[in-house]
PDB file of N, CA and C in Angstrom:
ATOM      1  N   MET A   1     -70.640  -9.807 -11.511  1.00  0.00           N
ATOM      2  CA  MET A   1     -69.549 -10.633 -12.471  1.00  0.00           C
ATOM      3  C   MET A   1     -68.977  -9.224 -13.076  1.00  0.00           C
ATOM      4  N   TYR A   2     -67.911  -9.353 -13.401  1.00  0.00           N
ATOM      5  CA  TYR A   2     -67.328  -8.249 -14.313  1.00  0.00           C
ATOM      6  C   TYR A   2     -67.180  -8.857 -15.923  1.00  0.00           C
ATOM      7  N   PHE A   3     -67.585  -8.084 -16.960  1.00  0.00           N
ATOM      8  CA  PHE A   3     -67.522  -8.406 -18.018  1.00  0.00           C
ATOM      9  C   PHE A   3     -67.441  -7.378 -19.154  1.00  0.00           C
ATOM     10  N   GLY A   4     -66.572  -7.432 -20.193  1.00  0.00           N
ATOM     11  CA  GLY A   4     -65.615  -6.688 -20.829  1.00  0.00           C
ATOM     12  C   GLY A   4     -65.944  -7.147 -22.188  1.00  0.00           C
ATOM     13  N   GLY A   5     -66.617  -7.225 -22.997  1.00  0.00           N
ATOM     14  CA  GLY A   5     -66.789  -7.513 -24.505  1.00  0.00           C
ATOM     15  C   GLY A   5     -66.488  -6.398 -25.381  1.00  0.00           C
ATOM     16  N   PRO A   6     -65.483  -7.040 -26.344  1.00  0.00           N
ATOM     17  CA  PRO A   6     -65.287  -5.761 -26.866  1.00  0.00           C
ATOM     18  C   PRO A   6     -66.335  -4.731 -28.126  1.00  0.00           C
ATOM     19  N   ALA A   7     -66.672  -3.955 -28.263  1.00  0.00           N
ATOM     20  CA  ALA A   7     -67.277  -3.164 -29.317  1.00  0.00           C
ATOM     21  C   ALA A   7     -66.824  -3.221 -30.240  1.00  0.00           C
ATOM     22  N   THR A   8     -67.905  -4.560 -31.273  1.00  0.00           N
ATOM     23  CA  THR A   8     -66.203  -4.851 -33.028  1.00  0.00           C
ATOM     24  C   THR A   8     -67.497  -4.171 -33.701  1.00  0.00           C
ATOM     25  N   ASP A   9     -68.750  -3.765 -33.623  1.00  0.00           N
ATOM     26  CA  ASP A   9     -69.327  -3.342 -34.807  1.00  0.00           C
ATOM     27  C   ASP A   9     -70.629  -2.352 -34.401  1.00  0.00           C
ATOM     28  N   VAL A  10     -71.426  -1.355 -34.964  1.00  0.00           N
ATOM     29  CA  VAL A  10     -72.290  -1.107 -34.902  1.00  0.00           C
ATOM     30  C   VAL A  10     -73.437  -1.731 -34.817  1.00  0.00           C
ATOM     31  N   ASP A  11     -73.699  -2.629 -35.664  1.00  0.00           N
ATOM     32  CA  ASP A  11     -74.551  -3.848 -35.560  1.00  0.00           C
ATOM     33  C   ASP A  11     -74.445  -4.519 -34.491  1.00  0.00           C
ATOM     34  N   PRO A  12     -75.872  -4.515 -34.157  1.00  0.00           N
ATOM     35  CA  PRO A  12     -76.016  -5.537 -32.885  1.00  0.00           C
ATOM     36  C   PRO A  12     -76.117  -7.179 -33.564  1.00  0.00           C
ATOM     37  N   SER A  13     -76.253  -7.336 -34.274  1.00  0.00           N
ATOM     38  CA  SER A  13     -76.677  -8.899 -35.225  1.00  0.00           C
ATOM     39  C   SER A  13     -75.022  -9.346 -35.022  1.00  0.00           C
ATOM     40  N   THR A  14     -73.894  -8.356 -35.010  1.00  0.00           N
ATOM     41  CA  THR A  14     -72.466  -8.729 -35.241  1.00  0.00           C
ATOM     42  C   THR A  14     -72.006  -9.592 -33.911  1.00  0.00           C
ATOM     43  N   ASN A  15     -73.178  -9.639 -32.793  1.00  0.00           N
ATOM     44  CA  ASN A  15     -72.607  -9.678 -31.242  1.00  0.00           C
ATOM     45  C   ASN A  15     -73.556 -10.731 -31.083  1.00  0.00           C
ATOM     46  N   LEU A  16     -74.248 -11.547 -31.543  1.00  0.00           N
ATOM     47  CA  LEU A  16     -75.082 -12.513 -31.438  1.00  0.00           C
ATOM     48  C   LEU A  16     -75.148 -13.277 -30.470  1.00  0.00           C
ATOM     49  N   ASP A  17     -73.988 -13.684 -29.824  1.00  0.00           N
ATOM     50  CA  ASP A  17     -73.339 -14.667 -28.694  1.00  0.00           C
ATOM     51  C   ASP A  17     -74.079 -13.959 -27.479  1.00  0.00           C
ATOM     52  N   PHE A  18     -74.197 -12.511 -27.515  1.00  0.00           N
ATOM     53  CA  PHE A  18     -74.540 -12.006 -26.274  1.00  0.00           C
ATOM     54  C   PHE A  18     -75.634 -11.684 -25.892  1.00  0.00           C
ATOM     55  N   TRP A  19     -76.797 -11.637 -27.012  1.00  0.00           N
ATOM     56  CA  TRP A  19     -77.564 -11.203 -27.160  1.00  0.00           C
ATOM     57  C   TRP A  19     -79.131 -11.816 -27.283  1.00  0.00           C
ATOM     58  N   LEU A  20     -78.546 -13.316 -28.255  1.00  0.00           N
ATOM     59  CA  LEU A  20     -79.268 -14.774 -27.458  1.00  0.00           C
ATOM     60  C   LEU A  20     -79.205 -15.356 -26.801  1.00  0.00           C
ATOM     61  N   SER A  21     -80.401 -16.641 -26.265  1.00  0.00           N
ATOM     62  CA  SER A  21     -80.195 -17.063 -25.221  1.00  0.00           C
ATOM     63  C   SER A  21     -79.483 -18.115 -25.076  1.00  0.00           C
ATOM     64  N   ALA A  22     -79.110 -18.750 -26.151  1.00  0.00           N
ATOM     65  CA  ALA A  22     -78.159 -19.624 -26.878  1.00  0.00           C
ATOM     66  C   ALA A  22     -77.089 -19.320 -26.791  1.00  0.00           C
ATOM     67  N   GLY A  23     -76.366 -18.538 -26.765  1.00  0.00           N
ATOM     68  CA  GLY A  23     -75.175 -17.561 -27.020  1.00  0.00           C
ATOM     69  C   GLY A  23     -74.512 -18.289 -26.204  1.00  0.00           C
ATOM     70  N   GLY A  24     -72.829 -18.012 -26.361  1.00  0.00           N
ATOM     71  CA  GLY A  24     -72.121 -18.431 -25.302  1.00  0.00           C
ATOM     72  C   GLY A  24     -71.264 -17.241 -24.482  1.00  0.00           C
ATOM     73  N   GLN A  25     -71.925 -15.926 -25.299  1.00  0.00           N
ATOM     74  CA  GLN A  25     -71.578 -14.573 -24.231  1.00  0.00           C
ATOM     75  C   GLN A  25     -72.476 -14.052 -23.561  1.00  0.00           C
ATOM     76  N   HIS A  26     -74.008 -15.140 -23.720  1.00  0.00           N
ATOM     77  CA  HIS A  26     -74.843 -14.568 -22.753  1.00  0.00           C
ATOM     78  C   HIS A  26     -74.798 -15.550 -21.513  1.00  0.00           C
ATOM     79  N   PHE A  27     -74.434 -14.495 -20.630  1.00  0.00           N
ATOM     80  CA  PHE A  27     -73.834 -15.194 -18.889  1.00  0.00           C
ATOM     81  C   PHE A  27     -74.743 -14.961 -18.190  1.00  0.00           C
ATOM     82  N   TRP A  28     -75.598 -14.327 -18.289  1.00  0.00           N
ATOM     83  CA  TRP A  28     -76.467 -14.584 -17.445  1.00  0.00           C
ATOM     84  C   TRP A  28     -77.267 -15.597 -16.627  1.00  0.00           C
ATOM     85  N   ASN A  29     -77.927 -16.572 -18.179  1.00  0.00           N
ATOM     86  CA  ASN A  29     -78.190 -17.837 -17.985  1.00  0.00           C
ATOM     87  C   ASN A  29     -77.441 -19.070 -19.253  1.00  0.00           C
ATOM     88  N   ILE A  30     -76.084 -18.961 -18.899  1.00  0.00           N
ATOM     89  CA  ILE A  30     -75.493 -19.519 -19.687  1.00  0.00           C
ATOM     90  C   ILE A  30     -75.421 -21.130 -20.104  1.00  0.00           C
ATOM     91  N   GLY A  31     -75.349 -21.240 -21.041  1.00  0.00           N
ATOM     92  CA  GLY A  31     -75.425 -22.738 -21.567  1.00  0.00           C
ATOM     93  C   GLY A  31     -76.850 -23.237 -21.688  1.00  0.00           C
ATOM     94  N   GLN A  32     -77.953 -22.555 -21.523  1.00  0.00           N
ATOM     95  CA  GLN A  32     -79.174 -22.845 -21.740  1.00  0.00           C
ATOM     96  C   GLN A  32     -79.292 -23.466 -23.248  1.00  0.00           C
ATOM     97  N   PRO A  33     -79.996 -24.404 -23.122  1.00  0.00           N
ATOM     98  CA  PRO A  33     -80.667 -24.559 -24.847  1.00  0.00           C
ATOM     99  C   PRO A  33     -81.788 -23.888 -25.296  1.00  0.00           C
ATOM    100  N   THR A  34     -82.536 -23.333 -24.577  1.00  0.00           N
ATOM    101  CA  THR A  34     -84.043 -23.164 -24.836  1.00  0.00           C
ATOM    102  C   THR A  34     -84.085 -21.916 -23.487  1.00  0.00           C
ATOM    103  N   PRO A  35     -84.932 -20.541 -23.592  1.00  0.00           N
ATOM    104  CA  PRO A  35     -84.619 -19.556 -22.930  1.00  0.00           C
ATOM    105  C   PRO A  35     -85.616 -19.745 -21.903  1.00  0.00           C
ATOM    106  N   ALA A  36     -84.534 -19.133 -20.528  1.00  0.00           N
ATOM    107  CA  ALA A  36     -84.968 -19.413 -19.297  1.00  0.00           C
ATOM    108  C   ALA A  36     -86.186 -18.498 -18.814  1.00  0.00           C
ATOM    109  N   THR A  37     -86.499 -17.475 -19.450  1.00  0.00           N
ATOM    110  CA  THR A  37     -87.453 -16.796 -19.177  1.00  0.00           C
ATOM    111  C   THR A  37     -88.164 -16.424 -20.665  1.00  0.00           C
ATOM    112  N   ASP A  38     -89.259 -15.757 -20.634  1.00  0.00           N
ATOM    113  CA  ASP A  38     -89.909 -15.227 -21.577  1.00  0.00           C
ATOM    114  C   ASP A  38     -89.601 -13.892 -21.823  1.00  0.00           C
ATOM    115  N   TRP A  39     -88.896 -12.977 -21.057  1.00  0.00           N
ATOM    116  CA  TRP A  39     -88.238 -11.516 -21.957  1.00  0.00           C
ATOM    117  C   TRP A  39     -87.240 -12.668 -22.682  1.00  0.00           C
ATOM    118  N   GLU A  40     -86.320 -13.671 -22.269  1.00  0.00           N
ATOM    119  CA  GLU A  40     -85.312 -13.517 -23.377  1.00  0.00           C
ATOM    120  C   GLU A  40     -85.821 -14.778 -24.409  1.00  0.00           C
ATOM    121  N   LYS A  41     -86.668 -14.952 -24.009  1.00  0.00           N
ATOM    122  CA  LYS A  41     -87.325 -16.006 -25.640  1.00  0.00           C
ATOM    123  C   LYS A  41     -88.052 -14.992 -26.438  1.00  0.00           C
ATOM    124  N   ARG A  42     -88.407 -13.679 -25.659  1.00  0.00           N
ATOM    125  CA  ARG A  42     -88.981 -12.225 -26.706  1.00  0.00           C
ATOM    126  C   ARG A  42     -87.694 -11.630 -27.178  1.00  0.00           C
ATOM    127  N   ILE A  43     -86.696 -11.549 -27.069  1.00  0.00           N
ATOM    128  CA  ILE A  43     -85.052 -11.082 -27.265  1.00  0.00           C
ATOM    129  C   ILE A  43     -85.158 -11.754 -28.275  1.00  0.00           C
ATOM    130  N   ASP A  44     -85.387 -13.147 -28.352  1.00  0.00           N
ATOM    131  CA  ASP A  44     -84.401 -14.073 -29.301  1.00  0.00           C
ATOM    132  C   ASP A  44     -85.446 -14.219 -30.627  1.00  0.00           C
ATOM    133  N   GLU A  45     -86.760 -13.416 -30.173  1.00  0.00           N
ATOM    134  CA  GLU A  45     -87.402 -13.822 -31.440  1.00  0.00           C
ATOM    135  C   GLU A  45     -87.231 -12.003 -32.513  1.00  0.00           C
ATOM    136  N   LEU A  46     -87.056 -10.895 -31.394  1.00  0.00           N
ATOM    137  CA  LEU A  46     -87.042  -9.558 -31.697  1.00  0.00           C
ATOM    138  C   LEU A  46     -85.101  -9.720 -32.542  1.00  0.00           C
ATOM    139  N   MET A  47     -84.366 -10.088 -32.363  1.00  0.00           N
ATOM    140  CA  MET A  47     -82.825 -10.034 -32.821  1.00  0.00           C
ATOM    141  C   MET A  47     -83.517 -11.196 -34.307  1.00  0.00           C
ATOM    142  N   ALA A  48     -83.756 -12.140 -34.056  1.00  0.00           N
ATOM    143  CA  ALA A  48     -84.401 -12.634 -35.487  1.00  0.00           C
ATOM    144  C   ALA A  48     -84.592 -11.855 -36.632  1.00  0.00           C
ATOM    145  N   ARG A  49     -85.855 -11.456 -36.203  1.00  0.00           N
ATOM    146  CA  ARG A  49     -86.718 -10.282 -37.075  1.00  0.00           C
ATOM    147  C   ARG A  49     -85.703  -8.769 -37.297  1.00  0.00           C
ATOM    148  N   GLN A  50     -84.684  -8.533 -36.269  1.00  0.00           N
ATOM    149  CA  GLN A  50     -83.860  -7.680 -36.728  1.00  0.00           C
ATOM    150  C   GLN A  50     -82.945  -7.870 -37.730  1.00  0.00           C
ATOM    151  N   ILE A  51     -82.402  -8.874 -37.441  1.00  0.00           N
ATOM    152  CA  ILE A  51     -81.201  -9.836 -38.426  1.00  0.00           C
ATOM    153  C   ILE A  51     -81.653  -9.559 -40.049  1.00  0.00           C
ATOM    154  N   ALA A  52     -83.032  -9.987 -39.930  1.00  0.00           N
ATOM    155  CA  ALA A  52     -83.973 -10.807 -40.924  1.00  0.00           C
ATOM    156  C   ALA A  52     -83.726  -9.338 -42.046  1.00  0.00           C
ATOM    157  N   SER A  53     -84.335  -7.975 -41.504  1.00  0.00           N
ATOM    158  CA  SER A  53     -85.070  -6.988 -41.803  1.00  0.00           C
ATOM    159  C   SER A  53     -84.006  -6.474 -42.843  1.00  0.00           C
ATOM    160  N   PRO A  54     -84.324  -5.969 -44.000  1.00  0.00           N
ATOM    161  CA  PRO A  54     -83.524  -4.918 -45.120  1.00  0.00           C
ATOM    162  C   PRO A  54     -83.543  -3.909 -44.751  1.00  0.00           C
ATOM    163  N   ASP A  55     -84.416  -3.426 -43.989  1.00  0.00           N
ATOM    164  CA  ASP A  55     -84.626  -1.749 -43.825  1.00  0.00           C
ATOM    165  C   ASP A  55     -84.091  -1.413 -42.617  1.00  0.00           C
ATOM    166  N   GLU A  56     -83.310  -0.426 -42.852  1.00  0.00           N
ATOM    167  CA  GLU A  56     -82.331   0.010 -41.372  1.00  0.00           C
ATOM    168  C   GLU A  56     -83.180   0.639 -40.396  1.00  0.00           C
ATOM    169  N   ALA A  57     -84.636   1.517 -40.778  1.00  0.00           N
ATOM    170  CA  ALA A  57     -84.617   2.077 -39.738  1.00  0.00           C
ATOM    171  C   ALA A  57     -85.874   0.391 -39.180  1.00  0.00           C
ATOM    172  N   GLU A  58     -86.370   0.242 -39.528  1.00  0.00           N
ATOM    173  CA  GLU A  58     -86.989  -0.684 -39.059  1.00  0.00           C
ATOM    174  C   GLU A  58     -85.933  -1.897 -37.997  1.00  0.00           C
ATOM    175  N   ARG A  59     -84.917  -1.906 -37.965  1.00  0.00           N
ATOM    176  CA  ARG A  59     -83.903  -2.834 -37.495  1.00  0.00           C
ATOM    177  C   ARG A  59     -83.719  -1.961 -36.477  1.00  0.00           C
ATOM    178  N   LYS A  60     -83.426  -0.482 -36.465  1.00  0.00           N
ATOM    179  CA  LYS A  60     -82.937   0.178 -35.555  1.00  0.00           C
ATOM    180  C   LYS A  60     -84.296   0.500 -34.383  1.00  0.00           C
ATOM    181  N   ARG A  61     -85.333   0.572 -35.081  1.00  0.00           N
ATOM    182  CA  ARG A  61     -86.680  -0.107 -33.950  1.00  0.00           C
ATOM    183  C   ARG A  61     -86.549  -1.342 -32.954  1.00  0.00           C
ATOM    184  N   ILE A  62     -86.656  -2.109 -34.544  1.00  0.00           N
ATOM    185  CA  ILE A  62     -86.751  -3.400 -33.508  1.00  0.00           C
ATOM    186  C   ILE A  62     -85.534  -3.332 -32.234  1.00  0.00           C
ATOM    187  N   PHE A  63     -84.460  -2.969 -32.422  1.00  0.00           N
ATOM    188  CA  PHE A  63     -83.247  -3.064 -31.441  1.00  0.00           C
ATOM    189  C   PHE A  63     -83.465  -2.324 -30.521  1.00  0.00           C
ATOM    190  N   THR A  64     -84.149  -1.254 -30.460  1.00  0.00           N
ATOM    191  CA  THR A  64     -84.654  -0.347 -29.250  1.00  0.00           C
ATOM    192  C   THR A  64     -85.398  -0.998 -28.380  1.00  0.00           C
ATOM    193  N   ASP A  65     -86.510  -1.998 -29.304  1.00  0.00           N
ATOM    194  CA  ASP A  65     -87.092  -2.637 -28.548  1.00  0.00           C
ATOM    195  C   ASP A  65     -86.081  -4.062 -27.417  1.00  0.00           C
ATOM    196  N   VAL A  66     -85.166  -4.295 -28.063  1.00  0.00           N
ATOM    197  CA  VAL A  66     -84.618  -5.266 -27.172  1.00  0.00           C
ATOM    198  C   VAL A  66     -83.777  -4.668 -26.332  1.00  0.00           C
ATOM    199  N   GLN A  67     -83.663  -3.398 -26.594  1.00  0.00           N
ATOM    200  CA  GLN A  67     -82.809  -2.671 -25.295  1.00  0.00           C
ATOM    201  C   GLN A  67     -83.779  -2.305 -24.249  1.00  0.00           C
ATOM    202  N   LYS A  68     -84.936  -1.907 -24.656  1.00  0.00           N
ATOM    203  CA  LYS A  68     -86.119  -1.773 -23.104  1.00  0.00           C
ATOM    204  C   LYS A  68     -85.697  -2.739 -22.615  1.00  0.00           C
ATOM    205  N   ILE A  69     -86.290  -3.995 -22.787  1.00  0.00           N
ATOM    206  CA  ILE A  69     -86.419  -5.585 -22.608  1.00  0.00           C
ATOM    207  C   ILE A  69     -85.398  -5.254 -21.625  1.00  0.00           C
ATOM    208  N   PHE A  70     -84.363  -5.497 -22.264  1.00  0.00           N
ATOM    209  CA  PHE A  70     -83.073  -5.205 -21.280  1.00  0.00           C
ATOM    210  C   PHE A  70     -83.137  -4.885 -20.667  1.00  0.00           C
ATOM    211  N   ALA A  71     -83.317  -3.510 -20.582  1.00  0.00           N
ATOM    212  CA  ALA A  71     -82.745  -2.112 -19.376  1.00  0.00           C
ATOM    213  C   ALA A  71     -84.531  -2.779 -18.304  1.00  0.00           C
ATOM    214  N   ASP A  72     -85.164  -3.375 -18.776  1.00  0.00           N
ATOM    215  CA  ASP A  72     -86.519  -3.449 -17.579  1.00  0.00           C
ATOM    216  C   ASP A  72     -85.715  -4.695 -17.059  1.00  0.00           C
ATOM    217  N   HIS A  73     -85.246  -5.419 -17.089  1.00  0.00           N
ATOM    218  CA  HIS A  73     -84.872  -6.830 -16.354  1.00  0.00           C
ATOM    219  C   HIS A  73     -83.253  -6.658 -16.016  1.00  0.00           C
ATOM    220  N   GLU A  74     -82.558  -5.963 -16.617  1.00  0.00           N
ATOM    221  CA  GLU A  74     -81.099  -5.609 -15.892  1.00  0.00           C
ATOM    222  C   GLU A  74     -80.447  -6.813 -15.538  1.00  0.00           C
ATOM    223  N   PRO A  75     -80.332  -8.031 -16.937  1.00  0.00           N
ATOM    224  CA  PRO A  75     -79.117  -9.067 -16.630  1.00  0.00           C
ATOM    225  C   PRO A  75     -77.817  -8.655 -16.443  1.00  0.00           C
ATOM    226  N   ALA A  76     -77.335  -7.426 -17.060  1.00  0.00           N
ATOM    227  CA  ALA A  76     -75.902  -7.103 -16.545  1.00  0.00           C
ATOM    228  C   ALA A  76     -75.982  -4.959 -16.041  1.00  0.00           C
ATOM    229  N   ILE A  77     -75.311  -4.280 -15.678  1.00  0.00           N
ATOM    230  CA  ILE A  77     -75.458  -3.349 -15.412  1.00  0.00           C
ATOM    231  C   ILE A  77     -74.279  -2.958 -16.250  1.00  0.00           C
ATOM    232  N   TYR A  78     -74.666  -1.928 -16.577  1.00  0.00           N
ATOM    233  CA  TYR A  78     -72.711  -1.423 -16.848  1.00  0.00           C
ATOM    234  C   TYR A  78     -72.529   0.127 -16.547  1.00  0.00           C
ATOM    235  N   PHE A  79     -71.720   0.173 -15.575  1.00  0.00           N
ATOM    236  CA  PHE A  79     -70.932   1.069 -14.317  1.00  0.00           C
ATOM    237  C   PHE A  79     -69.804   1.887 -15.302  1.00  0.00           C
ATOM    238  N   ALA A  80     -69.165   1.848 -16.274  1.00  0.00           N
ATOM    239  CA  ALA A  80     -67.983   2.035 -17.154  1.00  0.00           C
ATOM    240  C   ALA A  80     -68.142   2.431 -18.555  1.00  0.00           C
ATOM    241  N   ALA A  81     -67.734   3.349 -19.088  1.00  0.00           N
ATOM    242  CA  ALA A  81     -67.761   3.867 -20.267  1.00  0.00           C
ATOM    243  C   ALA A  81     -65.992   3.572 -20.498  1.00  0.00           C
ATOM    244  N   PRO A  82     -65.408   3.525 -21.837  1.00  0.00           N
ATOM    245  CA  PRO A  82     -64.024   3.703 -22.190  1.00  0.00           C
ATOM    246  C   PRO A  82     -64.403   5.214 -22.712  1.00  0.00           C
ATOM    247  N   HIS A  83     -62.985   5.865 -22.703  1.00  0.00           N
ATOM    248  CA  HIS A  83     -62.545   7.188 -23.214  1.00  0.00           C
ATOM    249  C   HIS A  83     -61.634   6.667 -24.483  1.00  0.00           C
ATOM    250  N   VAL A  84     -61.849   7.550 -25.094  1.00  0.00           N
ATOM    251  CA  VAL A  84     -61.107   7.396 -26.642  1.00  0.00           C
ATOM    252  C   VAL A  84     -60.267   8.592 -26.517  1.00  0.00           C
ATOM    253  N   PHE A  85     -59.084   8.615 -26.686  1.00  0.00           N
ATOM    254  CA  PHE A  85     -58.351   9.996 -27.382  1.00  0.00           C
ATOM    255  C   PHE A  85     -57.722  10.060 -28.490  1.00  0.00           C
ATOM    256  N   VAL A  86     -57.725  10.948 -29.144  1.00  0.00           N
ATOM    257  CA  VAL A  86     -57.283  10.823 -30.745  1.00  0.00           C
ATOM    258  C   VAL A  86     -57.029  12.176 -31.167  1.00  0.00           C
ATOM    259  N   ALA A  87     -55.222  11.871 -31.696  1.00  0.00           N
ATOM    260  CA  ALA A  87     -54.992  12.848 -31.886  1.00  0.00           C
ATOM    261  C   ALA A  87     -54.786  12.903 -33.018  1.00  0.00           C
ATOM    262  N   THR A  88     -54.851  14.065 -33.908  1.00  0.00           N
ATOM    263  CA  THR A  88     -54.551  14.532 -34.981  1.00  0.00           C
ATOM    264  C   THR A  88     -54.102  15.798 -35.369  1.00  0.00           C
ATOM    265  N   SER A  89     -53.696  15.948 -36.725  1.00  0.00           N
ATOM    266  CA  SER A  89     -53.042  17.267 -37.407  1.00  0.00           C
ATOM    267  C   SER A  89     -53.928  18.497 -36.551  1.00  0.00           C
ATOM    268  N   SER A  90     -52.994  19.587 -36.454  1.00  0.00           N
ATOM    269  CA  SER A  90     -54.256  20.611 -36.315  1.00  0.00           C
ATOM    270  C   SER A  90     -55.102  21.173 -37.643  1.00  0.00           C
ATOM    271  N   ARG A  91     -53.916  21.139 -38.599  1.00  0.00           N
ATOM    272  CA  ARG A  91     -55.425  21.033 -40.279  1.00  0.00           C
ATOM    273  C   ARG A  91     -56.560  20.504 -40.646  1.00  0.00           C
ATOM    274  N   VAL A  92     -56.439  19.245 -39.735  1.00  0.00           N
ATOM    275  CA  VAL A  92     -57.425  18.074 -40.080  1.00  0.00           C
ATOM    276  C   VAL A  92     -58.583  18.845 -38.756  1.00  0.00           C
ATOM    277  N   THR A  93     -59.996  19.022 -39.753  1.00  0.00           N
ATOM    278  CA  THR A  93     -60.789  19.611 -38.863  1.00  0.00           C
ATOM    279  C   THR A  93     -62.742  18.717 -38.953  1.00  0.00           C
ATOM    280  N   ASN A  94     -63.415  18.880 -37.577  1.00  0.00           N
ATOM    281  CA  ASN A  94     -64.289  18.220 -38.261  1.00  0.00           C
ATOM    282  C   ASN A  94     -64.311  16.724 -38.123  1.00  0.00           C
ATOM    283  N   THR A  95     -63.158  16.301 -37.024  1.00  0.00           N
ATOM    284  CA  THR A  95     -63.452  15.156 -36.715  1.00  0.00           C
ATOM    285  C   THR A  95     -64.087  14.507 -35.574  1.00  0.00           C
ATOM    286  N   THR A  96     -65.123  13.357 -35.629  1.00  0.00           N
ATOM    287  CA  THR A  96     -66.014  13.064 -34.714  1.00  0.00           C
ATOM    288  C   THR A  96     -65.694  11.448 -34.388  1.00  0.00           C
ATOM    289  N   PRO A  97     -64.770  11.269 -33.165  1.00  0.00           N
ATOM    290  CA  PRO A  97     -64.224  10.016 -32.816  1.00  0.00           C
ATOM    291  C   PRO A  97     -65.588   9.319 -32.173  1.00  0.00           C
ATOM    292  N   SER A  98     -64.700   7.869 -32.133  1.00  0.00           N
ATOM    293  CA  SER A  98     -65.920   6.867 -32.032  1.00  0.00           C
ATOM    294  C   SER A  98     -65.090   5.868 -30.919  1.00  0.00           C
ATOM    295  N   LEU A  99     -66.232   5.010 -30.229  1.00  0.00           N
ATOM    296  CA  LEU A  99     -65.741   3.733 -29.876  1.00  0.00           C
ATOM    297  C   LEU A  99     -65.520   2.565 -30.216  1.00  0.00           C
ATOM    298  N   VAL A 100     -65.929   2.988 -31.715  1.00  0.00           N
ATOM    299  CA  VAL A 100     -65.889   1.952 -32.806  1.00  0.00           C
ATOM    300  C   VAL A 100     -64.228   2.115 -33.608  1.00  0.00           C
ATOM    301  N   PRO A 101     -63.703   1.285 -33.241  1.00  0.00           N
ATOM    302  CA  PRO A 101     -62.706   1.580 -34.433  1.00  0.00           C
ATOM    303  C   PRO A 101     -62.837   1.356 -35.736  1.00  0.00           C
ATOM    304  N   PRO A 102     -62.388   1.925 -36.521  1.00  0.00           N
ATOM    305  CA  PRO A 102     -61.252   3.252 -36.729  1.00  0.00           C
ATOM    306  C   PRO A 102     -61.858   4.380 -36.420  1.00  0.00           C
ATOM    307  N   SER A 103     -61.851   4.946 -34.937  1.00  0.00           N
ATOM    308  CA  SER A 103     -62.012   5.979 -34.037  1.00  0.00           C
ATOM    309  C   SER A 103     -61.924   7.520 -34.676  1.00  0.00           C
ATOM    310  N   VAL A 104     -60.868   7.569 -35.357  1.00  0.00           N
ATOM    311  CA  VAL A 104     -60.833   8.588 -36.222  1.00  0.00           C
ATOM    312  C   VAL A 104     -62.134   9.002 -37.120  1.00  0.00           C
ATOM    313  N   LEU A 105     -61.960   8.252 -38.009  1.00  0.00           N
ATOM    314  CA  LEU A 105     -62.520   7.642 -39.100  1.00  0.00           C
ATOM    315  C   LEU A 105     -64.268   7.479 -39.012  1.00  0.00           C
ATOM    316  N   TRP A 106     -64.848   7.583 -38.003  1.00  0.00           N
ATOM    317  CA  TRP A 106     -65.942   7.498 -37.630  1.00  0.00           C
ATOM    318  C   TRP A 106     -67.314   7.968 -38.941  1.00  0.00           C
ATOM    319  N   ALA A 107     -66.721   9.400 -39.030  1.00  0.00           N
ATOM    320  CA  ALA A 107     -67.294  10.312 -40.278  1.00  0.00           C
ATOM    321  C   ALA A 107     -66.488  10.550 -41.180  1.00  0.00           C
ATOM    322  N   ALA A 108     -66.047   9.943 -41.499  1.00  0.00           N
ATOM    323  CA  ALA A 108     -64.565  10.186 -42.551  1.00  0.00           C
ATOM    324  C   ALA A 108     -65.525  11.383 -43.648  1.00  0.00           C
ATOM    325  N   ASP A 109     -66.277  11.324 -44.118  1.00  0.00           N
ATOM    326  CA  ASP A 109     -67.165  12.288 -44.900  1.00  0.00           C
ATOM    327  C   ASP A 109     -67.315  13.286 -44.672  1.00  0.00           C
ATOM    328  N   SER A 110     -67.056  13.694 -43.313  1.00  0.00           N
ATOM    329  CA  SER A 110     -67.333  14.876 -42.666  1.00  0.00           C
ATOM    330  C   SER A 110     -65.759  15.808 -42.706  1.00  0.00           C
ATOM    331  N   ILE A 111     -64.897  14.997 -42.283  1.00  0.00           N
ATOM    332  CA  ILE A 111     -63.147  15.492 -42.449  1.00  0.00           C
ATOM    333  C   ILE A 111     -62.946  16.271 -43.450  1.00  0.00           C
ATOM    334  N   GLN A 112     -62.082  17.471 -42.814  1.00  0.00           N
ATOM    335  CA  GLN A 112     -61.321  18.319 -43.846  1.00  0.00           C
ATOM    336  C   GLN A 112     -60.079  18.611 -43.414  1.00  0.00           C
ATOM    337  N   VAL A 113     -59.328  19.340 -44.584  1.00  0.00           N
ATOM    338  CA  VAL A 113     -58.019  18.979 -44.353  1.00  0.00           C
ATOM    339  C   VAL A 113     -57.697  21.216 -44.586  1.00  0.00           C
ATOM    340  N   ARG A 114     -57.672  21.635 -43.531  1.00  0.00           N
ATOM    341  CA  ARG A 114     -56.956  23.280 -44.484  1.00  0.00           C
ATOM    342  C   ARG A 114     -56.271  23.106 -44.610  1.00  0.00           C
TER     343      ARG A 114
END
């Protein structure tokens, strides 16, 4: 199955339809009222903890665990990555483009104008 979900944010909690087993974009076991597998149940539990934590470091650690489980079971295989082309003036320096819009403002605090 080819699935191209848009990246709308760097925080995985904004894409729960994909991560949670009951989500509408959870296409590998779609339409399940409860997790079909133990590993999906574990991802549901971890995502609930990730969403609830106010600590950014803990949120990152928890999502790393989610990604490890996801990689171990491979319900989806990523086979392509988009290219981002950004044009700026030659006077603008220290730009760091990102896949997440607005691409050129990813590290806005480091952008300089000569």
